Amino acid sequence: MYNINVLDLEAGQGALLLNILSKYSDAFSLMVEGKSRAMSTSELYGGARIHYIFQSIFVKSLELDGRSYMEGVILSYCK
């Protein structure tokens, strides 16, 4: 019916997929480096956002209140 070579079609699909993945990878790299054109100045993006999450949110969740911890230890020995 149609004169389409299957090998050419599969190779074309592979090239198309590679092109899409390459563009995505380039856009992701630009975003992490803070060089993406689609970024606004009202939010943190890329590496700045990752830094904020780890330094301001994650670290605070790991901090222990030593005073309340020691009060619990002392109270457990007093019982």
PDB file of N, CA and C in Angstrom:
ATOM      1  N   MET A   1       0.822  -1.182   0.000  1.00  0.00           N
ATOM      2  CA  MET A   1       0.000   0.000   0.000  1.00  0.00           C
ATOM      3  C   MET A   1       0.875   1.259   0.000  1.00  0.00           C
ATOM      4  N   TYR A   2       1.612   1.496   1.100  1.00  0.00           N
ATOM      5  CA  TYR A   2       2.531   2.629   1.148  1.00  0.00           C
ATOM      6  C   TYR A   2       3.943   2.111   0.979  1.00  0.00           C
ATOM      7  N   ASN A   3       4.778   2.858   0.318  1.00  0.00           N
ATOM      8  CA  ASN A   3       6.152   2.452   0.082  1.00  0.00           C
ATOM      9  C   ASN A   3       7.046   3.053   1.172  1.00  0.00           C
ATOM     10  N   ILE A   4       6.955   2.492   2.402  1.00  0.00           N
ATOM     11  CA  ILE A   4       7.739   2.984   3.541  1.00  0.00           C
ATOM     12  C   ILE A   4       8.705   1.886   3.960  1.00  0.00           C
ATOM     13  N   ASN A   5       9.974   2.243   4.056  1.00  0.00           N
ATOM     14  CA  ASN A   5      10.984   1.307   4.516  1.00  0.00           C
ATOM     15  C   ASN A   5      10.965   1.286   6.046  1.00  0.00           C
ATOM     16  N   VAL A   6      10.708   0.124   6.634  1.00  0.00           N
ATOM     17  CA  VAL A   6      10.573   0.001   8.091  1.00  0.00           C
ATOM     18  C   VAL A   6      11.867   0.386   8.799  1.00  0.00           C
ATOM     19  N   LEU A   7      13.026   0.033   8.241  1.00  0.00           N
ATOM     20  CA  LEU A   7      14.296   0.373   8.881  1.00  0.00           C
ATOM     21  C   LEU A   7      14.495   1.880   8.951  1.00  0.00           C
ATOM     22  N   ASP A   8      14.124   2.581   7.883  1.00  0.00           N
ATOM     23  CA  ASP A   8      14.232   4.039   7.904  1.00  0.00           C
ATOM     24  C   ASP A   8      13.298   4.637   8.952  1.00  0.00           C
ATOM     25  N   LEU A   9      12.129   4.075   9.076  1.00  0.00           N
ATOM     26  CA  LEU A   9      11.156   4.562  10.046  1.00  0.00           C
ATOM     27  C   LEU A   9      11.671   4.364  11.473  1.00  0.00           C
ATOM     28  N   GLU A  10      12.218   3.176  11.783  1.00  0.00           N
ATOM     29  CA  GLU A  10      12.750   2.908  13.120  1.00  0.00           C
ATOM     30  C   GLU A  10      13.960   3.791  13.414  1.00  0.00           C
ATOM     31  N   ALA A  11      14.826   3.971  12.432  1.00  0.00           N
ATOM     32  CA  ALA A  11      15.993   4.829  12.627  1.00  0.00           C
ATOM     33  C   ALA A  11      15.557   6.272  12.854  1.00  0.00           C
ATOM     34  N   GLY A  12      14.540   6.680  12.125  1.00  0.00           N
ATOM     35  CA  GLY A  12      14.014   8.027  12.313  1.00  0.00           C
ATOM     36  C   GLY A  12      13.406   8.209  13.690  1.00  0.00           C
ATOM     37  N   GLN A  13      12.727   7.175  14.186  1.00  0.00           N
ATOM     38  CA  GLN A  13      12.153   7.245  15.527  1.00  0.00           C
ATOM     39  C   GLN A  13      13.248   7.310  16.584  1.00  0.00           C
ATOM     40  N   GLY A  14      14.314   6.533  16.385  1.00  0.00           N
ATOM     41  CA  GLY A  14      15.439   6.561  17.320  1.00  0.00           C
ATOM     42  C   GLY A  14      16.114   7.921  17.334  1.00  0.00           C
ATOM     43  N   ALA A  15      16.289   8.498  16.154  1.00  0.00           N
ATOM     44  CA  ALA A  15      16.902   9.825  16.064  1.00  0.00           C
ATOM     45  C   ALA A  15      16.010  10.878  16.706  1.00  0.00           C
ATOM     46  N   LEU A  16      14.706  10.756  16.512  1.00  0.00           N
ATOM     47  CA  LEU A  16      13.766  11.696  17.120  1.00  0.00           C
ATOM     48  C   LEU A  16      13.810  11.597  18.642  1.00  0.00           C
ATOM     49  N   LEU A  17      13.815  10.373  19.167  1.00  0.00           N
ATOM     50  CA  LEU A  17      13.886  10.177  20.613  1.00  0.00           C
ATOM     51  C   LEU A  17      15.190  10.739  21.168  1.00  0.00           C
ATOM     52  N   LEU A  18      16.293  10.490  20.497  1.00  0.00           N
ATOM     53  CA  LEU A  18      17.582  11.022  20.930  1.00  0.00           C
ATOM     54  C   LEU A  18      17.573  12.543  20.932  1.00  0.00           C
ATOM     55  N   ASN A  19      16.961  13.151  19.931  1.00  0.00           N
ATOM     56  CA  ASN A  19      16.859  14.604  19.847  1.00  0.00           C
ATOM     57  C   ASN A  19      16.029  15.159  21.004  1.00  0.00           C
ATOM     58  N   ILE A  20      14.908  14.517  21.318  1.00  0.00           N
ATOM     59  CA  ILE A  20      14.053  14.966  22.421  1.00  0.00           C
ATOM     60  C   ILE A  20      14.795  14.866  23.749  1.00  0.00           C
ATOM     61  N   LEU A  21      15.467  13.732  23.984  1.00  0.00           N
ATOM     62  CA  LEU A  21      16.213  13.554  25.232  1.00  0.00           C
ATOM     63  C   LEU A  21      17.371  14.540  25.347  1.00  0.00           C
ATOM     64  N   SER A  22      18.013  14.835  24.238  1.00  0.00           N
ATOM     65  CA  SER A  22      19.112  15.799  24.241  1.00  0.00           C
ATOM     66  C   SER A  22      18.617  17.197  24.597  1.00  0.00           C
ATOM     67  N   LYS A  23      17.495  17.605  24.013  1.00  0.00           N
ATOM     68  CA  LYS A  23      16.925  18.922  24.332  1.00  0.00           C
ATOM     69  C   LYS A  23      16.500  19.001  25.792  1.00  0.00           C
ATOM     70  N   TYR A  24      15.895  17.920  26.311  1.00  0.00           N
ATOM     71  CA  TYR A  24      15.486  17.887  27.715  1.00  0.00           C
ATOM     72  C   TYR A  24      16.704  17.995  28.628  1.00  0.00           C
ATOM     73  N   SER A  25      17.748  17.251  28.303  1.00  0.00           N
ATOM     74  CA  SER A  25      18.972  17.275  29.101  1.00  0.00           C
ATOM     75  C   SER A  25      19.604  18.662  29.109  1.00  0.00           C
ATOM     76  N   ASP A  26      19.648  19.308  27.964  1.00  0.00           N
ATOM     77  CA  ASP A  26      20.201  20.660  27.879  1.00  0.00           C
ATOM     78  C   ASP A  26      19.376  21.648  28.694  1.00  0.00           C
ATOM     79  N   ALA A  27      18.054  21.554  28.599  1.00  0.00           N
ATOM     80  CA  ALA A  27      17.177  22.454  29.359  1.00  0.00           C
ATOM     81  C   ALA A  27      17.320  22.218  30.855  1.00  0.00           C
ATOM     82  N   PHE A  28      17.438  20.962  31.266  1.00  0.00           N
ATOM     83  CA  PHE A  28      17.602  20.633  32.680  1.00  0.00           C
ATOM     84  C   PHE A  28      18.928  21.174  33.204  1.00  0.00           C
ATOM     85  N   SER A  29      19.991  21.023  32.431  1.00  0.00           N
ATOM     86  CA  SER A  29      21.300  21.544  32.833  1.00  0.00           C
ATOM     87  C   SER A  29      21.264  23.057  32.994  1.00  0.00           C
ATOM     88  N   LEU A  30      20.631  23.749  32.060  1.00  0.00           N
ATOM     89  CA  LEU A  30      20.517  25.203  32.162  1.00  0.00           C
ATOM     90  C   LEU A  30      19.720  25.610  33.395  1.00  0.00           C
ATOM     91  N   MET A  31      18.674  24.860  33.714  1.00  0.00           N
ATOM     92  CA  MET A  31      17.860  25.173  34.881  1.00  0.00           C
ATOM     93  C   MET A  31      18.667  25.005  36.168  1.00  0.00           C
ATOM     94  N   VAL A  32      19.414  23.911  36.284  1.00  0.00           N
ATOM     95  CA  VAL A  32      20.210  23.669  37.486  1.00  0.00           C
ATOM     96  C   VAL A  32      21.303  24.719  37.626  1.00  0.00           C
ATOM     97  N   GLU A  33      21.875  25.149  36.515  1.00  0.00           N
ATOM     98  CA  GLU A  33      22.915  26.168  36.547  1.00  0.00           C
ATOM     99  C   GLU A  33      22.355  27.570  36.750  1.00  0.00           C
ATOM    100  N   GLY A  34      21.030  27.715  36.693  1.00  0.00           N
ATOM    101  CA  GLY A  34      20.412  29.024  36.879  1.00  0.00           C
ATOM    102  C   GLY A  34      20.447  29.891  35.639  1.00  0.00           C
ATOM    103  N   LYS A  35      20.556  29.285  34.480  1.00  0.00           N
ATOM    104  CA  LYS A  35      20.672  30.039  33.229  1.00  0.00           C
ATOM    105  C   LYS A  35      19.460  29.887  32.317  1.00  0.00           C
ATOM    106  N   SER A  36      18.394  29.284  32.811  1.00  0.00           N
ATOM    107  CA  SER A  36      17.210  29.049  31.989  1.00  0.00           C
ATOM    108  C   SER A  36      16.473  30.350  31.718  1.00  0.00           C
ATOM    109  N   ARG A  37      15.930  30.487  30.523  1.00  0.00           N
ATOM    110  CA  ARG A  37      15.188  31.701  30.152  1.00  0.00           C
ATOM    111  C   ARG A  37      13.804  31.736  30.791  1.00  0.00           C
ATOM    112  N   ALA A  38      13.278  30.588  31.178  1.00  0.00           N
ATOM    113  CA  ALA A  38      11.907  30.496  31.680  1.00  0.00           C
ATOM    114  C   ALA A  38      11.805  30.749  33.184  1.00  0.00           C
ATOM    115  N   MET A  39      12.849  31.264  33.804  1.00  0.00           N
ATOM    116  CA  MET A  39      12.830  31.473  35.251  1.00  0.00           C
ATOM    117  C   MET A  39      12.350  32.876  35.587  1.00  0.00           C
ATOM    118  N   SER A  40      11.612  32.967  36.687  1.00  0.00           N
ATOM    119  CA  SER A  40      11.203  34.279  37.174  1.00  0.00           C
ATOM    120  C   SER A  40      12.118  34.673  38.326  1.00  0.00           C
ATOM    121  N   THR A  41      12.068  35.928  38.711  1.00  0.00           N
ATOM    122  CA  THR A  41      12.914  36.394  39.806  1.00  0.00           C
ATOM    123  C   THR A  41      12.203  36.326  41.147  1.00  0.00           C
ATOM    124  N   SER A  42      10.960  35.861  41.167  1.00  0.00           N
ATOM    125  CA  SER A  42      10.221  35.794  42.426  1.00  0.00           C
ATOM    126  C   SER A  42      10.372  34.446  43.132  1.00  0.00           C
ATOM    127  N   GLU A  43      10.989  33.465  42.488  1.00  0.00           N
ATOM    128  CA  GLU A  43      11.180  32.144  43.078  1.00  0.00           C
ATOM    129  C   GLU A  43      12.619  31.697  42.880  1.00  0.00           C
ATOM    130  N   LEU A  44      13.055  30.764  43.743  1.00  0.00           N
ATOM    131  CA  LEU A  44      14.375  30.172  43.594  1.00  0.00           C
ATOM    132  C   LEU A  44      14.290  29.001  42.621  1.00  0.00           C
ATOM    133  N   TYR A  45      15.295  28.867  41.781  1.00  0.00           N
ATOM    134  CA  TYR A  45      15.342  27.789  40.805  1.00  0.00           C
ATOM    135  C   TYR A  45      16.699  27.123  40.837  1.00  0.00           C
ATOM    136  N   GLY A  46      16.749  25.917  40.329  1.00  0.00           N
ATOM    137  CA  GLY A  46      17.996  25.217  40.109  1.00  0.00           C
ATOM    138  C   GLY A  46      18.789  24.978  41.372  1.00  0.00           C
ATOM    139  N   GLY A  47      20.086  25.257  41.278  1.00  0.00           N
ATOM    140  CA  GLY A  47      20.979  25.039  42.402  1.00  0.00           C
ATOM    141  C   GLY A  47      20.615  25.872  43.609  1.00  0.00           C
ATOM    142  N   ALA A  48      20.098  27.081  43.392  1.00  0.00           N
ATOM    143  CA  ALA A  48      19.693  27.932  44.514  1.00  0.00           C
ATOM    144  C   ALA A  48      18.537  27.303  45.272  1.00  0.00           C
ATOM    145  N   ARG A  49      17.605  26.697  44.568  1.00  0.00           N
ATOM    146  CA  ARG A  49      16.465  26.034  45.216  1.00  0.00           C
ATOM    147  C   ARG A  49      16.934  24.805  45.986  1.00  0.00           C
ATOM    148  N   ILE A  50      17.824  24.023  45.387  1.00  0.00           N
ATOM    149  CA  ILE A  50      18.360  22.837  46.057  1.00  0.00           C
ATOM    150  C   ILE A  50      19.099  23.255  47.325  1.00  0.00           C
ATOM    151  N   HIS A  51      19.918  24.306  47.237  1.00  0.00           N
ATOM    152  CA  HIS A  51      20.647  24.808  48.405  1.00  0.00           C
ATOM    153  C   HIS A  51      19.684  25.251  49.495  1.00  0.00           C
ATOM    154  N   TYR A  52      18.644  25.975  49.133  1.00  0.00           N
ATOM    155  CA  TYR A  52      17.653  26.443  50.107  1.00  0.00           C
ATOM    156  C   TYR A  52      16.981  25.268  50.808  1.00  0.00           C
ATOM    157  N   ILE A  53      16.592  24.265  50.046  1.00  0.00           N
ATOM    158  CA  ILE A  53      15.908  23.115  50.643  1.00  0.00           C
ATOM    159  C   ILE A  53      16.806  22.426  51.660  1.00  0.00           C
ATOM    160  N   PHE A  54      18.062  22.197  51.304  1.00  0.00           N
ATOM    161  CA  PHE A  54      18.938  21.489  52.226  1.00  0.00           C
ATOM    162  C   PHE A  54      19.365  22.352  53.408  1.00  0.00           C
ATOM    163  N   GLN A  55      19.666  23.613  53.187  1.00  0.00           N
ATOM    164  CA  GLN A  55      20.163  24.459  54.270  1.00  0.00           C
ATOM    165  C   GLN A  55      19.066  25.014  55.162  1.00  0.00           C
ATOM    166  N   SER A  56      17.932  25.337  54.622  1.00  0.00           N
ATOM    167  CA  SER A  56      16.893  25.995  55.411  1.00  0.00           C
ATOM    168  C   SER A  56      15.805  25.049  55.894  1.00  0.00           C
ATOM    169  N   ILE A  57      15.552  23.997  55.193  1.00  0.00           N
ATOM    170  CA  ILE A  57      14.457  23.106  55.571  1.00  0.00           C
ATOM    171  C   ILE A  57      14.994  21.802  56.152  1.00  0.00           C
ATOM    172  N   PHE A  58      15.850  21.121  55.410  1.00  0.00           N
ATOM    173  CA  PHE A  58      16.333  19.811  55.831  1.00  0.00           C
ATOM    174  C   PHE A  58      17.179  19.898  57.096  1.00  0.00           C
ATOM    175  N   VAL A  59      18.100  20.851  57.159  1.00  0.00           N
ATOM    176  CA  VAL A  59      18.972  20.974  58.328  1.00  0.00           C
ATOM    177  C   VAL A  59      18.162  21.292  59.574  1.00  0.00           C
ATOM    178  N   LYS A  60      17.179  22.168  59.458  1.00  0.00           N
ATOM    179  CA  LYS A  60      16.345  22.505  60.615  1.00  0.00           C
ATOM    180  C   LYS A  60      15.563  21.297  61.104  1.00  0.00           C
ATOM    181  N   SER A  61      15.182  20.422  60.203  1.00  0.00           N
ATOM    182  CA  SER A  61      14.444  19.232  60.633  1.00  0.00           C
ATOM    183  C   SER A  61      15.355  18.245  61.355  1.00  0.00           C
ATOM    184  N   LEU A  62      16.664  18.354  61.156  1.00  0.00           N
ATOM    185  CA  LEU A  62      17.608  17.463  61.824  1.00  0.00           C
ATOM    186  C   LEU A  62      18.062  17.987  63.181  1.00  0.00           C
ATOM    187  N   GLU A  63      17.898  19.284  63.412  1.00  0.00           N
ATOM    188  CA  GLU A  63      18.379  19.873  64.656  1.00  0.00           C
ATOM    189  C   GLU A  63      17.587  19.339  65.841  1.00  0.00           C
ATOM    190  N   LEU A  64      18.305  19.024  66.914  1.00  0.00           N
ATOM    191  CA  LEU A  64      17.676  18.566  68.142  1.00  0.00           C
ATOM    192  C   LEU A  64      17.726  19.682  69.167  1.00  0.00           C
ATOM    193  N   ASP A  65      16.689  19.784  69.936  1.00  0.00           N
ATOM    194  CA  ASP A  65      16.709  20.719  71.056  1.00  0.00           C
ATOM    195  C   ASP A  65      17.374  19.985  72.211  1.00  0.00           C
ATOM    196  N   GLY A  66      18.638  20.273  72.452  1.00  0.00           N
ATOM    197  CA  GLY A  66      19.422  19.580  73.466  1.00  0.00           C
ATOM    198  C   GLY A  66      18.833  19.693  74.857  1.00  0.00           C
ATOM    199  N   ARG A  67      18.248  20.811  75.162  1.00  0.00           N
ATOM    200  CA  ARG A  67      17.688  21.028  76.493  1.00  0.00           C
ATOM    201  C   ARG A  67      16.525  20.070  76.751  1.00  0.00           C
ATOM    202  N   SER A  68      15.599  19.976  75.820  1.00  0.00           N
ATOM    203  CA  SER A  68      14.457  19.081  76.025  1.00  0.00           C
ATOM    204  C   SER A  68      14.903  17.625  76.006  1.00  0.00           C
ATOM    205  N   TYR A  69      15.919  17.313  75.219  1.00  0.00           N
ATOM    206  CA  TYR A  69      16.447  15.949  75.196  1.00  0.00           C
ATOM    207  C   TYR A  69      17.034  15.593  76.551  1.00  0.00           C
ATOM    208  N   MET A  70      17.850  16.487  77.109  1.00  0.00           N
ATOM    209  CA  MET A  70      18.478  16.229  78.408  1.00  0.00           C
ATOM    210  C   MET A  70      17.445  16.176  79.522  1.00  0.00           C
ATOM    211  N   GLU A  71      16.404  17.000  79.449  1.00  0.00           N
ATOM    212  CA  GLU A  71      15.342  16.945  80.454  1.00  0.00           C
ATOM    213  C   GLU A  71      14.675  15.575  80.442  1.00  0.00           C
ATOM    214  N   GLY A  72      14.461  15.027  79.267  1.00  0.00           N
ATOM    215  CA  GLY A  72      13.873  13.693  79.160  1.00  0.00           C
ATOM    216  C   GLY A  72      14.779  12.627  79.736  1.00  0.00           C
ATOM    217  N   VAL A  73      16.087  12.751  79.508  1.00  0.00           N
ATOM    218  CA  VAL A  73      17.043  11.786  80.051  1.00  0.00           C
ATOM    219  C   VAL A  73      17.066  11.876  81.570  1.00  0.00           C
ATOM    220  N   ILE A  74      17.116  13.100  82.110  1.00  0.00           N
ATOM    221  CA  ILE A  74      17.158  13.297  83.560  1.00  0.00           C
ATOM    222  C   ILE A  74      15.881  12.772  84.203  1.00  0.00           C
ATOM    223  N   LEU A  75      14.737  13.069  83.595  1.00  0.00           N
ATOM    224  CA  LEU A  75      13.469  12.598  84.149  1.00  0.00           C
ATOM    225  C   LEU A  75      13.385  11.075  84.138  1.00  0.00           C
ATOM    226  N   SER A  76      13.948  10.436  83.133  1.00  0.00           N
ATOM    227  CA  SER A  76      13.893   8.972  83.082  1.00  0.00           C
ATOM    228  C   SER A  76      14.750   8.349  84.177  1.00  0.00           C
ATOM    229  N   TYR A  77      15.832   9.023  84.587  1.00  0.00           N
ATOM    230  CA  TYR A  77      16.674   8.508  85.667  1.00  0.00           C
ATOM    231  C   TYR A  77      16.059   8.785  87.039  1.00  0.00           C
ATOM    232  N   CYS A  78      15.240   9.815  87.138  1.00  0.00           N
ATOM    233  CA  CYS A  78      14.643  10.182  88.421  1.00  0.00           C
ATOM    234  C   CYS A  78      13.467   9.287  88.785  1.00  0.00           C
ATOM    235  N   LYS A  79      12.937   8.562  87.869  1.00  0.00           N
ATOM    236  CA  LYS A  79      11.755   7.731  88.150  1.00  0.00           C
ATOM    237  C   LYS A  79      12.099   6.504  88.922  1.00  0.00           C
TER     238      LYS A  79
END
